[in-house]
N, C-alpha and C. Protein backbone atom coordinates (compact mmCIF):
# COMPACT_ATOMS: atom_id res chain seq x y z
N MET A 1 -137.86 -5.11 -61.30
CA MET A 1 -136.68 -5.88 -61.72
C MET A 1 -136.54 -5.80 -63.24
N PRO A 2 -135.29 -5.83 -63.77
CA PRO A 2 -135.09 -5.82 -65.21
C PRO A 2 -135.75 -7.02 -65.86
N GLU A 3 -136.10 -6.89 -67.13
CA GLU A 3 -136.82 -7.94 -67.83
C GLU A 3 -135.97 -9.18 -68.03
N THR A 4 -134.66 -8.98 -68.27
CA THR A 4 -133.77 -10.10 -68.52
C THR A 4 -132.76 -10.25 -67.40
N MET A 5 -132.41 -11.48 -67.09
CA MET A 5 -131.45 -11.72 -66.03
C MET A 5 -130.08 -11.14 -66.35
N ALA A 6 -129.79 -10.96 -67.63
CA ALA A 6 -128.51 -10.38 -68.03
C ALA A 6 -128.31 -8.99 -67.46
N LYS A 7 -129.39 -8.31 -67.12
CA LYS A 7 -129.32 -6.95 -66.59
C LYS A 7 -129.39 -6.91 -65.06
N TRP A 8 -129.55 -8.06 -64.43
CA TRP A 8 -129.64 -8.09 -62.98
C TRP A 8 -128.28 -7.87 -62.34
N THR A 9 -128.27 -7.35 -61.12
CA THR A 9 -127.05 -7.31 -60.33
C THR A 9 -126.83 -8.69 -59.72
N CYS A 10 -125.64 -8.89 -59.18
CA CYS A 10 -125.36 -10.15 -58.49
C CYS A 10 -126.34 -10.36 -57.34
N THR A 11 -126.67 -9.27 -56.66
CA THR A 11 -127.61 -9.34 -55.54
C THR A 11 -129.01 -9.73 -56.03
N ASP A 12 -129.42 -9.16 -57.17
CA ASP A 12 -130.72 -9.50 -57.76
C ASP A 12 -130.81 -11.00 -58.04
N LEU A 13 -129.76 -11.53 -58.67
CA LEU A 13 -129.77 -12.94 -59.05
C LEU A 13 -129.80 -13.84 -57.82
N ALA A 14 -128.95 -13.54 -56.85
CA ALA A 14 -128.91 -14.36 -55.64
C ALA A 14 -130.25 -14.31 -54.91
N SER A 15 -130.86 -13.15 -54.86
CA SER A 15 -132.15 -13.00 -54.19
C SER A 15 -133.24 -13.78 -54.93
N ALA A 16 -133.22 -13.70 -56.26
CA ALA A 16 -134.22 -14.41 -57.05
C ALA A 16 -134.08 -15.91 -56.90
N LEU A 17 -132.84 -16.39 -56.85
CA LEU A 17 -132.61 -17.82 -56.66
C LEU A 17 -133.06 -18.28 -55.29
N ALA A 18 -132.94 -17.41 -54.31
CA ALA A 18 -133.31 -17.76 -52.93
C ALA A 18 -134.81 -17.74 -52.70
N ALA A 19 -135.54 -17.04 -53.57
CA ALA A 19 -136.97 -16.85 -53.35
C ALA A 19 -137.78 -18.13 -53.56
N LYS A 20 -138.97 -18.15 -53.01
CA LYS A 20 -139.87 -19.29 -53.17
C LYS A 20 -140.62 -19.16 -54.49
N GLU A 21 -139.85 -19.30 -55.58
CA GLU A 21 -140.36 -19.20 -56.93
C GLU A 21 -139.75 -20.30 -57.77
N SER A 22 -140.47 -20.75 -58.79
CA SER A 22 -139.98 -21.84 -59.63
C SER A 22 -138.80 -21.43 -60.49
N VAL A 23 -138.82 -20.17 -60.92
CA VAL A 23 -137.73 -19.65 -61.75
C VAL A 23 -137.28 -18.30 -61.23
N PRO A 24 -135.97 -18.01 -61.33
CA PRO A 24 -134.91 -18.89 -61.83
C PRO A 24 -134.56 -19.96 -60.82
N GLY A 25 -133.91 -21.01 -61.30
CA GLY A 25 -133.54 -22.11 -60.43
C GLY A 25 -132.16 -22.63 -60.77
N GLY A 26 -132.00 -23.95 -60.62
CA GLY A 26 -130.69 -24.56 -60.83
C GLY A 26 -130.16 -24.40 -62.24
N GLY A 27 -131.06 -24.36 -63.22
CA GLY A 27 -130.61 -24.20 -64.59
C GLY A 27 -129.93 -22.86 -64.81
N ALA A 28 -130.55 -21.80 -64.31
CA ALA A 28 -129.97 -20.46 -64.43
C ALA A 28 -128.64 -20.39 -63.70
N ALA A 29 -128.57 -21.00 -62.53
CA ALA A 29 -127.33 -21.00 -61.76
C ALA A 29 -126.22 -21.74 -62.52
N ALA A 30 -126.58 -22.86 -63.15
CA ALA A 30 -125.59 -23.61 -63.93
C ALA A 30 -125.07 -22.78 -65.09
N ALA A 31 -125.98 -22.12 -65.80
CA ALA A 31 -125.58 -21.30 -66.94
C ALA A 31 -124.68 -20.15 -66.51
N TYR A 32 -124.99 -19.54 -65.36
CA TYR A 32 -124.19 -18.42 -64.89
C TYR A 32 -122.80 -18.88 -64.46
N ALA A 33 -122.73 -20.03 -63.81
CA ALA A 33 -121.43 -20.57 -63.44
C ALA A 33 -120.59 -20.84 -64.69
N GLY A 34 -121.23 -21.36 -65.73
CA GLY A 34 -120.53 -21.59 -67.00
C GLY A 34 -120.06 -20.28 -67.62
N ALA A 35 -120.91 -19.25 -67.53
CA ALA A 35 -120.54 -17.94 -68.07
C ALA A 35 -119.35 -17.36 -67.32
N LEU A 36 -119.30 -17.57 -66.01
CA LEU A 36 -118.16 -17.10 -65.23
C LEU A 36 -116.89 -17.83 -65.62
N ALA A 37 -116.99 -19.12 -65.90
CA ALA A 37 -115.83 -19.89 -66.36
C ALA A 37 -115.31 -19.34 -67.68
N ALA A 38 -116.25 -19.05 -68.60
CA ALA A 38 -115.86 -18.48 -69.89
C ALA A 38 -115.24 -17.10 -69.71
N ALA A 39 -115.78 -16.31 -68.78
CA ALA A 39 -115.26 -14.97 -68.52
C ALA A 39 -113.82 -15.02 -68.01
N LEU A 40 -113.53 -15.98 -67.17
CA LEU A 40 -112.16 -16.12 -66.69
C LEU A 40 -111.22 -16.50 -67.83
N GLY A 41 -111.72 -17.33 -68.75
CA GLY A 41 -110.93 -17.66 -69.93
C GLY A 41 -110.63 -16.42 -70.75
N SER A 42 -111.62 -15.57 -70.92
CA SER A 42 -111.42 -14.33 -71.66
C SER A 42 -110.40 -13.43 -70.97
N MET A 43 -110.48 -13.37 -69.64
CA MET A 43 -109.53 -12.54 -68.91
C MET A 43 -108.10 -13.01 -69.12
N VAL A 44 -107.90 -14.31 -69.03
CA VAL A 44 -106.56 -14.87 -69.25
C VAL A 44 -106.08 -14.55 -70.66
N ALA A 45 -106.96 -14.70 -71.63
CA ALA A 45 -106.59 -14.41 -73.02
C ALA A 45 -106.27 -12.93 -73.20
N ASN A 46 -107.04 -12.06 -72.56
CA ASN A 46 -106.80 -10.62 -72.67
C ASN A 46 -105.45 -10.22 -72.09
N PHE A 47 -105.07 -10.83 -70.97
CA PHE A 47 -103.78 -10.52 -70.37
C PHE A 47 -102.61 -11.15 -71.13
N THR A 48 -102.89 -12.19 -71.89
CA THR A 48 -101.84 -12.88 -72.63
C THR A 48 -101.55 -12.21 -73.97
N THR A 49 -102.60 -11.68 -74.59
CA THR A 49 -102.45 -11.13 -75.94
C THR A 49 -101.45 -9.98 -75.97
N GLY A 50 -100.62 -9.99 -77.01
CA GLY A 50 -99.63 -8.94 -77.20
C GLY A 50 -98.34 -9.11 -76.42
N LYS A 51 -98.26 -10.14 -75.57
CA LYS A 51 -97.05 -10.36 -74.79
C LYS A 51 -96.01 -11.12 -75.62
N LYS A 52 -94.77 -10.61 -75.62
CA LYS A 52 -93.71 -11.21 -76.42
C LYS A 52 -93.45 -12.67 -76.05
N THR A 53 -93.56 -12.95 -74.76
CA THR A 53 -93.30 -14.32 -74.30
C THR A 53 -94.22 -15.34 -74.95
N TYR A 54 -95.44 -14.87 -75.30
CA TYR A 54 -96.45 -15.78 -75.84
C TYR A 54 -96.78 -15.46 -77.31
N ALA A 55 -95.85 -14.81 -77.98
CA ALA A 55 -96.08 -14.38 -79.37
C ALA A 55 -96.39 -15.55 -80.29
N ALA A 56 -95.80 -16.69 -80.01
CA ALA A 56 -96.04 -17.87 -80.86
C ALA A 56 -97.49 -18.33 -80.80
N TYR A 57 -98.19 -17.94 -79.74
CA TYR A 57 -99.58 -18.37 -79.55
C TYR A 57 -100.58 -17.26 -79.85
N GLU A 58 -100.10 -16.12 -80.35
CA GLU A 58 -100.98 -14.96 -80.49
C GLU A 58 -102.23 -15.26 -81.31
N GLU A 59 -102.09 -15.94 -82.42
CA GLU A 59 -103.25 -16.26 -83.26
C GLU A 59 -104.24 -17.13 -82.50
N ASP A 60 -103.72 -18.11 -81.78
CA ASP A 60 -104.59 -18.98 -80.99
C ASP A 60 -105.27 -18.20 -79.87
N ILE A 61 -104.54 -17.32 -79.24
CA ILE A 61 -105.09 -16.54 -78.14
C ILE A 61 -106.23 -15.65 -78.63
N GLN A 62 -106.07 -15.06 -79.80
CA GLN A 62 -107.14 -14.23 -80.36
C GLN A 62 -108.38 -15.05 -80.66
N ARG A 63 -108.18 -16.26 -81.17
CA ARG A 63 -109.32 -17.15 -81.43
C ARG A 63 -110.00 -17.55 -80.12
N ILE A 64 -109.18 -17.90 -79.13
CA ILE A 64 -109.73 -18.29 -77.83
C ILE A 64 -110.53 -17.14 -77.23
N LEU A 65 -110.00 -15.93 -77.34
CA LEU A 65 -110.70 -14.76 -76.80
C LEU A 65 -112.07 -14.60 -77.46
N LYS A 66 -112.11 -14.72 -78.77
CA LYS A 66 -113.37 -14.58 -79.50
C LYS A 66 -114.36 -15.66 -79.09
N GLU A 67 -113.90 -16.90 -79.02
CA GLU A 67 -114.79 -18.02 -78.72
C GLU A 67 -115.25 -18.00 -77.26
N SER A 68 -114.38 -17.60 -76.36
CA SER A 68 -114.79 -17.55 -74.95
C SER A 68 -115.79 -16.42 -74.71
N ASP A 69 -115.61 -15.31 -75.40
CA ASP A 69 -116.60 -14.23 -75.30
C ASP A 69 -117.96 -14.68 -75.83
N GLN A 70 -117.94 -15.39 -76.94
CA GLN A 70 -119.19 -15.90 -77.53
C GLN A 70 -119.86 -16.89 -76.58
N ALA A 71 -119.08 -17.76 -75.97
CA ALA A 71 -119.63 -18.74 -75.04
C ALA A 71 -120.24 -18.06 -73.82
N ARG A 72 -119.54 -17.05 -73.31
CA ARG A 72 -120.06 -16.31 -72.15
C ARG A 72 -121.42 -15.68 -72.45
N LEU A 73 -121.51 -15.01 -73.59
CA LEU A 73 -122.77 -14.36 -73.95
C LEU A 73 -123.88 -15.37 -74.19
N ARG A 74 -123.54 -16.49 -74.81
CA ARG A 74 -124.55 -17.53 -75.06
C ARG A 74 -125.07 -18.13 -73.75
N LEU A 75 -124.17 -18.36 -72.81
CA LEU A 75 -124.59 -18.93 -71.53
C LEU A 75 -125.46 -17.95 -70.74
N ILE A 76 -125.18 -16.67 -70.85
CA ILE A 76 -126.04 -15.67 -70.22
C ILE A 76 -127.44 -15.72 -70.85
N GLU A 77 -127.48 -15.85 -72.17
CA GLU A 77 -128.78 -15.98 -72.85
C GLU A 77 -129.54 -17.20 -72.35
N LEU A 78 -128.81 -18.29 -72.12
CA LEU A 78 -129.44 -19.54 -71.70
C LEU A 78 -130.04 -19.45 -70.30
N MET A 79 -129.59 -18.50 -69.50
CA MET A 79 -130.24 -18.29 -68.20
C MET A 79 -131.70 -17.94 -68.39
N ASP A 80 -131.97 -17.00 -69.29
CA ASP A 80 -133.34 -16.59 -69.56
C ASP A 80 -134.11 -17.67 -70.32
N GLU A 81 -133.42 -18.33 -71.25
CA GLU A 81 -134.09 -19.38 -72.02
C GLU A 81 -134.53 -20.52 -71.11
N ASP A 82 -133.69 -20.85 -70.15
CA ASP A 82 -134.04 -21.93 -69.23
C ASP A 82 -135.27 -21.58 -68.42
N ALA A 83 -135.31 -20.35 -67.93
CA ALA A 83 -136.47 -19.91 -67.15
C ALA A 83 -137.73 -19.91 -68.01
N ALA A 84 -137.59 -19.44 -69.26
CA ALA A 84 -138.74 -19.38 -70.15
C ALA A 84 -139.26 -20.77 -70.51
N CYS A 85 -138.34 -21.72 -70.65
CA CYS A 85 -138.74 -23.09 -71.01
C CYS A 85 -139.31 -23.86 -69.83
N PHE A 86 -138.81 -23.56 -68.63
CA PHE A 86 -139.28 -24.30 -67.47
C PHE A 86 -140.63 -23.80 -66.97
N TYR A 87 -140.90 -22.53 -67.13
CA TYR A 87 -142.12 -21.97 -66.56
C TYR A 87 -143.39 -22.70 -67.04
N PRO A 88 -143.54 -22.98 -68.35
CA PRO A 88 -144.75 -23.71 -68.79
C PRO A 88 -144.88 -25.07 -68.12
N LEU A 89 -143.74 -25.74 -67.86
CA LEU A 89 -143.79 -27.03 -67.18
C LEU A 89 -144.28 -26.86 -65.75
N SER A 90 -143.79 -25.84 -65.08
CA SER A 90 -144.23 -25.61 -63.70
C SER A 90 -145.72 -25.35 -63.64
N GLN A 91 -146.26 -24.71 -64.67
CA GLN A 91 -147.70 -24.45 -64.72
C GLN A 91 -148.48 -25.71 -65.09
N ALA A 92 -147.88 -26.54 -65.93
CA ALA A 92 -148.56 -27.75 -66.39
C ALA A 92 -148.84 -28.72 -65.24
N TYR A 93 -147.98 -28.70 -64.23
CA TYR A 93 -148.20 -29.57 -63.08
C TYR A 93 -149.48 -29.21 -62.33
N GLY A 94 -149.99 -28.01 -62.57
CA GLY A 94 -151.23 -27.59 -61.93
C GLY A 94 -152.48 -28.03 -62.67
N ILE A 95 -152.31 -28.65 -63.84
CA ILE A 95 -153.48 -29.14 -64.60
C ILE A 95 -154.13 -30.29 -63.82
N PRO A 96 -155.43 -30.26 -63.63
CA PRO A 96 -156.10 -31.34 -62.89
C PRO A 96 -155.77 -32.72 -63.46
N LYS A 97 -155.62 -33.69 -62.58
CA LYS A 97 -155.23 -35.03 -63.01
C LYS A 97 -156.28 -35.71 -63.87
N ASP A 98 -157.51 -35.26 -63.79
CA ASP A 98 -158.55 -35.87 -64.61
C ASP A 98 -158.71 -35.16 -65.96
N ASP A 99 -157.87 -34.17 -66.22
CA ASP A 99 -157.90 -33.47 -67.51
C ASP A 99 -157.22 -34.35 -68.56
N PRO A 100 -157.92 -34.71 -69.64
CA PRO A 100 -157.35 -35.63 -70.64
C PRO A 100 -156.13 -35.06 -71.37
N THR A 101 -155.91 -33.77 -71.29
CA THR A 101 -154.75 -33.16 -71.97
C THR A 101 -153.52 -33.11 -71.07
N ARG A 102 -153.68 -33.49 -69.81
CA ARG A 102 -152.59 -33.29 -68.84
C ARG A 102 -151.31 -34.02 -69.22
N GLU A 103 -151.41 -35.30 -69.52
CA GLU A 103 -150.20 -36.09 -69.78
C GLU A 103 -149.48 -35.61 -71.03
N GLU A 104 -150.21 -35.32 -72.08
CA GLU A 104 -149.60 -34.87 -73.32
C GLU A 104 -148.93 -33.50 -73.11
N THR A 105 -149.59 -32.63 -72.36
CA THR A 105 -149.02 -31.31 -72.10
C THR A 105 -147.75 -31.42 -71.27
N LEU A 106 -147.78 -32.25 -70.24
CA LEU A 106 -146.60 -32.45 -69.41
C LEU A 106 -145.44 -33.02 -70.21
N GLU A 107 -145.75 -33.96 -71.08
CA GLU A 107 -144.69 -34.58 -71.89
C GLU A 107 -144.01 -33.55 -72.79
N GLN A 108 -144.82 -32.76 -73.47
CA GLN A 108 -144.25 -31.77 -74.38
C GLN A 108 -143.49 -30.69 -73.62
N CYS A 109 -144.05 -30.24 -72.52
CA CYS A 109 -143.38 -29.20 -71.72
C CYS A 109 -142.08 -29.72 -71.13
N THR A 110 -142.05 -30.99 -70.76
CA THR A 110 -140.83 -31.58 -70.20
C THR A 110 -139.73 -31.66 -71.27
N LYS A 111 -140.11 -32.05 -72.47
CA LYS A 111 -139.12 -32.10 -73.56
C LYS A 111 -138.56 -30.71 -73.85
N THR A 112 -139.42 -29.72 -73.80
CA THR A 112 -138.98 -28.34 -74.03
C THR A 112 -138.06 -27.87 -72.90
N ALA A 113 -138.40 -28.26 -71.68
CA ALA A 113 -137.64 -27.80 -70.51
C ALA A 113 -136.21 -28.32 -70.49
N LEU A 114 -135.97 -29.48 -71.11
CA LEU A 114 -134.61 -30.02 -71.06
C LEU A 114 -133.70 -29.46 -72.16
N GLU A 115 -134.28 -28.73 -73.10
CA GLU A 115 -133.48 -28.21 -74.21
C GLU A 115 -132.40 -27.25 -73.75
N SER A 116 -132.74 -26.36 -72.84
CA SER A 116 -131.78 -25.35 -72.39
C SER A 116 -130.62 -25.95 -71.60
N PRO A 117 -130.88 -26.79 -70.59
CA PRO A 117 -129.73 -27.37 -69.88
C PRO A 117 -128.86 -28.26 -70.76
N PHE A 118 -129.47 -28.90 -71.76
CA PHE A 118 -128.67 -29.70 -72.68
C PHE A 118 -127.77 -28.79 -73.51
N ALA A 119 -128.32 -27.66 -73.97
CA ALA A 119 -127.53 -26.67 -74.71
C ALA A 119 -126.42 -26.10 -73.84
N MET A 120 -126.71 -25.90 -72.56
CA MET A 120 -125.68 -25.43 -71.63
C MET A 120 -124.52 -26.41 -71.59
N MET A 121 -124.83 -27.69 -71.49
CA MET A 121 -123.77 -28.70 -71.44
C MET A 121 -122.86 -28.60 -72.66
N GLN A 122 -123.46 -28.47 -73.83
CA GLN A 122 -122.67 -28.37 -75.05
C GLN A 122 -121.77 -27.14 -75.02
N GLU A 123 -122.31 -26.03 -74.55
CA GLU A 123 -121.54 -24.79 -74.51
C GLU A 123 -120.42 -24.88 -73.48
N ILE A 124 -120.71 -25.46 -72.35
CA ILE A 124 -119.70 -25.59 -71.29
C ILE A 124 -118.57 -26.52 -71.73
N CYS A 125 -118.88 -27.54 -72.48
CA CYS A 125 -117.84 -28.42 -73.00
C CYS A 125 -116.85 -27.62 -73.86
N SER A 126 -117.36 -26.70 -74.65
CA SER A 126 -116.48 -25.88 -75.48
C SER A 126 -115.62 -24.97 -74.62
N VAL A 127 -116.18 -24.49 -73.51
CA VAL A 127 -115.41 -23.65 -72.58
C VAL A 127 -114.26 -24.45 -71.98
N ILE A 128 -114.52 -25.68 -71.61
CA ILE A 128 -113.47 -26.54 -71.04
C ILE A 128 -112.35 -26.76 -72.05
N GLU A 129 -112.70 -26.94 -73.31
CA GLU A 129 -111.69 -27.09 -74.35
C GLU A 129 -110.81 -25.84 -74.45
N LEU A 130 -111.41 -24.67 -74.33
CA LEU A 130 -110.66 -23.42 -74.39
C LEU A 130 -109.74 -23.28 -73.18
N LEU A 131 -110.24 -23.68 -72.02
CA LEU A 131 -109.42 -23.61 -70.82
C LEU A 131 -108.24 -24.57 -70.90
N GLU A 132 -108.42 -25.71 -71.55
CA GLU A 132 -107.31 -26.63 -71.76
C GLU A 132 -106.20 -25.94 -72.56
N GLU A 133 -106.59 -25.22 -73.59
CA GLU A 133 -105.60 -24.49 -74.39
C GLU A 133 -104.92 -23.41 -73.56
N LEU A 134 -105.70 -22.70 -72.78
CA LEU A 134 -105.13 -21.61 -71.99
C LEU A 134 -104.17 -22.12 -70.92
N GLN A 135 -104.40 -23.32 -70.45
CA GLN A 135 -103.47 -23.91 -69.48
C GLN A 135 -102.08 -24.03 -70.09
N GLN A 136 -102.03 -24.28 -71.38
CA GLN A 136 -100.76 -24.44 -72.08
C GLN A 136 -100.24 -23.14 -72.69
N LYS A 137 -101.14 -22.29 -73.17
CA LYS A 137 -100.75 -21.13 -73.97
C LYS A 137 -100.96 -19.78 -73.29
N GLY A 138 -101.67 -19.77 -72.19
CA GLY A 138 -101.95 -18.51 -71.50
C GLY A 138 -100.84 -18.09 -70.57
N SER A 139 -100.89 -16.84 -70.16
CA SER A 139 -99.88 -16.30 -69.25
C SER A 139 -99.82 -17.10 -67.96
N ARG A 140 -98.60 -17.46 -67.56
CA ARG A 140 -98.39 -18.21 -66.32
C ARG A 140 -98.84 -17.40 -65.11
N LEU A 141 -98.87 -16.10 -65.25
CA LEU A 141 -99.27 -15.26 -64.13
C LEU A 141 -100.75 -15.42 -63.80
N LEU A 142 -101.51 -15.95 -64.75
CA LEU A 142 -102.95 -16.13 -64.55
C LEU A 142 -103.35 -17.61 -64.52
N LEU A 143 -102.39 -18.46 -64.21
CA LEU A 143 -102.66 -19.89 -64.20
C LEU A 143 -103.75 -20.25 -63.20
N SER A 144 -103.75 -19.58 -62.05
CA SER A 144 -104.78 -19.88 -61.04
C SER A 144 -106.17 -19.55 -61.56
N ASP A 145 -106.27 -18.53 -62.43
CA ASP A 145 -107.58 -18.17 -62.99
C ASP A 145 -108.06 -19.23 -63.97
N VAL A 146 -107.13 -19.85 -64.68
CA VAL A 146 -107.50 -20.98 -65.55
C VAL A 146 -108.06 -22.11 -64.69
N GLY A 147 -107.40 -22.36 -63.56
CA GLY A 147 -107.88 -23.40 -62.65
C GLY A 147 -109.25 -23.08 -62.08
N CYS A 148 -109.45 -21.83 -61.70
CA CYS A 148 -110.77 -21.41 -61.20
C CYS A 148 -111.83 -21.59 -62.27
N GLY A 149 -111.49 -21.25 -63.51
CA GLY A 149 -112.43 -21.44 -64.62
C GLY A 149 -112.80 -22.90 -64.79
N ALA A 150 -111.79 -23.77 -64.68
CA ALA A 150 -112.05 -25.20 -64.83
C ALA A 150 -112.95 -25.72 -63.71
N ALA A 151 -112.72 -25.25 -62.49
CA ALA A 151 -113.56 -25.68 -61.36
C ALA A 151 -115.01 -25.23 -61.55
N LEU A 152 -115.18 -24.00 -61.99
CA LEU A 152 -116.53 -23.49 -62.25
C LEU A 152 -117.19 -24.23 -63.40
N ALA A 153 -116.41 -24.50 -64.44
CA ALA A 153 -116.96 -25.19 -65.62
C ALA A 153 -117.41 -26.60 -65.26
N ARG A 154 -116.63 -27.28 -64.45
CA ARG A 154 -117.04 -28.63 -64.05
C ARG A 154 -118.32 -28.59 -63.24
N ALA A 155 -118.39 -27.67 -62.29
CA ALA A 155 -119.61 -27.54 -61.48
C ALA A 155 -120.81 -27.18 -62.36
N ALA A 156 -120.58 -26.30 -63.32
CA ALA A 156 -121.66 -25.90 -64.22
C ALA A 156 -122.14 -27.06 -65.07
N LEU A 157 -121.19 -27.85 -65.56
CA LEU A 157 -121.53 -29.01 -66.39
C LEU A 157 -122.33 -30.03 -65.60
N GLU A 158 -121.89 -30.32 -64.40
CA GLU A 158 -122.59 -31.30 -63.57
C GLU A 158 -123.98 -30.79 -63.18
N SER A 159 -124.08 -29.49 -62.92
CA SER A 159 -125.37 -28.90 -62.56
C SER A 159 -126.33 -28.94 -63.74
N ALA A 160 -125.83 -28.62 -64.93
CA ALA A 160 -126.68 -28.68 -66.11
C ALA A 160 -127.14 -30.11 -66.38
N ALA A 161 -126.23 -31.07 -66.17
CA ALA A 161 -126.58 -32.48 -66.37
C ALA A 161 -127.71 -32.91 -65.43
N LEU A 162 -127.69 -32.42 -64.21
CA LEU A 162 -128.77 -32.72 -63.27
C LEU A 162 -130.11 -32.20 -63.78
N ASN A 163 -130.07 -31.03 -64.40
CA ASN A 163 -131.30 -30.44 -64.91
C ASN A 163 -131.80 -31.16 -66.17
N VAL A 164 -130.90 -31.80 -66.88
CA VAL A 164 -131.33 -32.66 -67.98
C VAL A 164 -131.97 -33.92 -67.41
N ALA A 165 -131.28 -34.54 -66.46
CA ALA A 165 -131.73 -35.82 -65.91
C ALA A 165 -133.08 -35.73 -65.21
N VAL A 166 -133.32 -34.62 -64.50
CA VAL A 166 -134.58 -34.51 -63.78
C VAL A 166 -135.76 -34.43 -64.75
N ASN A 167 -135.49 -33.97 -65.96
CA ASN A 167 -136.55 -33.92 -66.97
C ASN A 167 -136.71 -35.24 -67.73
N THR A 168 -135.61 -35.85 -68.12
CA THR A 168 -135.73 -37.11 -68.86
C THR A 168 -136.35 -38.21 -67.98
N ALA A 169 -136.13 -38.11 -66.67
CA ALA A 169 -136.67 -39.12 -65.76
C ALA A 169 -138.19 -39.19 -65.81
N GLY A 170 -138.84 -38.09 -66.12
CA GLY A 170 -140.30 -38.06 -66.11
C GLY A 170 -140.95 -38.27 -67.47
N LEU A 171 -140.16 -38.51 -68.49
CA LEU A 171 -140.73 -38.66 -69.83
C LEU A 171 -141.32 -40.04 -70.06
N LYS A 172 -142.42 -40.07 -70.77
CA LYS A 172 -143.03 -41.33 -71.18
C LYS A 172 -142.32 -41.89 -72.41
N ASP A 173 -141.82 -40.99 -73.23
CA ASP A 173 -141.10 -41.38 -74.44
C ASP A 173 -139.69 -41.81 -74.04
N ARG A 174 -139.55 -43.09 -73.70
CA ARG A 174 -138.28 -43.57 -73.16
C ARG A 174 -137.19 -43.65 -74.22
N ALA A 175 -137.55 -43.84 -75.46
CA ALA A 175 -136.53 -43.88 -76.51
C ALA A 175 -135.86 -42.52 -76.62
N PHE A 176 -136.66 -41.46 -76.61
CA PHE A 176 -136.13 -40.10 -76.66
C PHE A 176 -135.31 -39.81 -75.40
N ALA A 177 -135.87 -40.16 -74.24
CA ALA A 177 -135.19 -39.91 -72.97
C ALA A 177 -133.84 -40.61 -72.91
N ASN A 178 -133.81 -41.87 -73.34
CA ASN A 178 -132.55 -42.62 -73.29
C ASN A 178 -131.51 -42.04 -74.23
N SER A 179 -131.95 -41.56 -75.38
CA SER A 179 -131.02 -40.94 -76.32
C SER A 179 -130.40 -39.68 -75.73
N VAL A 180 -131.24 -38.85 -75.12
CA VAL A 180 -130.74 -37.63 -74.49
C VAL A 180 -129.81 -37.97 -73.33
N ASP A 181 -130.20 -38.95 -72.53
CA ASP A 181 -129.38 -39.35 -71.38
C ASP A 181 -128.01 -39.86 -71.83
N GLU A 182 -127.98 -40.61 -72.91
CA GLU A 182 -126.70 -41.12 -73.42
C GLU A 182 -125.78 -39.98 -73.84
N ASP A 183 -126.34 -39.01 -74.55
CA ASP A 183 -125.53 -37.87 -74.99
C ASP A 183 -125.06 -37.04 -73.79
N SER A 184 -125.95 -36.85 -72.84
CA SER A 184 -125.61 -36.09 -71.64
C SER A 184 -124.52 -36.80 -70.85
N GLU A 185 -124.65 -38.09 -70.68
CA GLU A 185 -123.68 -38.86 -69.91
C GLU A 185 -122.31 -38.86 -70.59
N ARG A 186 -122.32 -38.91 -71.92
CA ARG A 186 -121.06 -38.87 -72.66
C ARG A 186 -120.33 -37.55 -72.39
N MET A 187 -121.05 -36.45 -72.50
CA MET A 187 -120.43 -35.15 -72.24
C MET A 187 -119.97 -35.04 -70.79
N LEU A 188 -120.80 -35.50 -69.89
CA LEU A 188 -120.49 -35.40 -68.46
C LEU A 188 -119.24 -36.20 -68.11
N THR A 189 -119.19 -37.42 -68.60
CA THR A 189 -118.06 -38.30 -68.28
C THR A 189 -116.75 -37.75 -68.85
N GLU A 190 -116.77 -37.38 -70.13
CA GLU A 190 -115.54 -36.92 -70.77
C GLU A 190 -115.09 -35.56 -70.24
N TYR A 191 -116.00 -34.61 -70.19
CA TYR A 191 -115.58 -33.24 -69.91
C TYR A 191 -115.44 -32.92 -68.43
N SER A 192 -116.12 -33.65 -67.57
CA SER A 192 -115.85 -33.49 -66.13
C SER A 192 -114.42 -33.92 -65.84
N SER A 193 -114.01 -35.02 -66.45
CA SER A 193 -112.64 -35.51 -66.27
C SER A 193 -111.62 -34.52 -66.83
N ARG A 194 -111.94 -33.95 -67.97
CA ARG A 194 -111.01 -32.99 -68.58
C ARG A 194 -110.89 -31.72 -67.74
N ALA A 195 -112.01 -31.26 -67.20
CA ALA A 195 -111.96 -30.09 -66.33
C ALA A 195 -111.17 -30.38 -65.07
N GLN A 196 -111.37 -31.56 -64.50
CA GLN A 196 -110.63 -31.93 -63.29
C GLN A 196 -109.15 -32.05 -63.58
N ALA A 197 -108.80 -32.54 -64.77
CA ALA A 197 -107.39 -32.66 -65.14
C ALA A 197 -106.72 -31.29 -65.20
N ILE A 198 -107.45 -30.30 -65.71
CA ILE A 198 -106.92 -28.93 -65.74
C ILE A 198 -106.67 -28.45 -64.31
N LEU A 199 -107.67 -28.62 -63.48
CA LEU A 199 -107.58 -28.19 -62.09
C LEU A 199 -106.41 -28.86 -61.37
N ASP A 200 -106.27 -30.16 -61.57
CA ASP A 200 -105.19 -30.91 -60.94
C ASP A 200 -103.83 -30.42 -61.42
N ALA A 201 -103.70 -30.18 -62.72
CA ALA A 201 -102.43 -29.73 -63.29
C ALA A 201 -102.06 -28.34 -62.78
N VAL A 202 -103.07 -27.47 -62.70
CA VAL A 202 -102.82 -26.12 -62.21
C VAL A 202 -102.40 -26.15 -60.75
N MET A 203 -103.09 -26.95 -59.94
CA MET A 203 -102.75 -27.03 -58.53
C MET A 203 -101.34 -27.58 -58.34
N ALA A 204 -100.99 -28.61 -59.12
CA ALA A 204 -99.65 -29.20 -59.02
C ALA A 204 -98.58 -28.19 -59.39
N SER A 205 -98.87 -27.39 -60.43
CA SER A 205 -97.91 -26.37 -60.87
C SER A 205 -97.73 -25.29 -59.81
N LEU A 206 -98.82 -24.87 -59.20
CA LEU A 206 -98.75 -23.80 -58.21
C LEU A 206 -98.05 -24.28 -56.93
N ARG A 207 -98.13 -25.56 -56.65
CA ARG A 207 -97.54 -26.09 -55.42
C ARG A 207 -96.14 -26.66 -55.62
N ALA A 208 -95.67 -26.63 -56.89
CA ALA A 208 -94.36 -27.21 -57.20
C ALA A 208 -93.23 -26.40 -56.53
């Protein structure tokens, strides 16, 4: 198998996720769903650019294209980062319970493991913002793709949030955990609603 998930085929990724292995797991799936959402945004921007009907938005479309491409590549990177960060935690659970280093090792590994899904949430929020713009400024011929992107982005955001929560739940450092949970919940509450609003608007437009 290729060293990085970025080089895997769709079949490789699905097979790896299905296997009885700790990694890749839900975090990688969340990141990939977010990357697909960003990719759909890029597609809409690519089809919109240069069109006379949308000339007034050309500068914005070029910016959106650049930012959505960057988000897609970053989320693909986070697939590997998530696996790399989670693996030490999966190994730490095997430390004997009477080992005096066990709790400290688990705590540190848990804090490290939540970094990637938290970063995913931040990146996915930016994707949702871009999709909001594309709903207004992108080609009407690709409106359904904007809606698909929003649906994927919401699922990715919620999935990443679960991967944050499962780690903060086990931390002894409750002040740190609560701070992370508050930030995660803020993103989840605001941007899940925004993604759903895009989806609802697109569906209403298509059914009008």
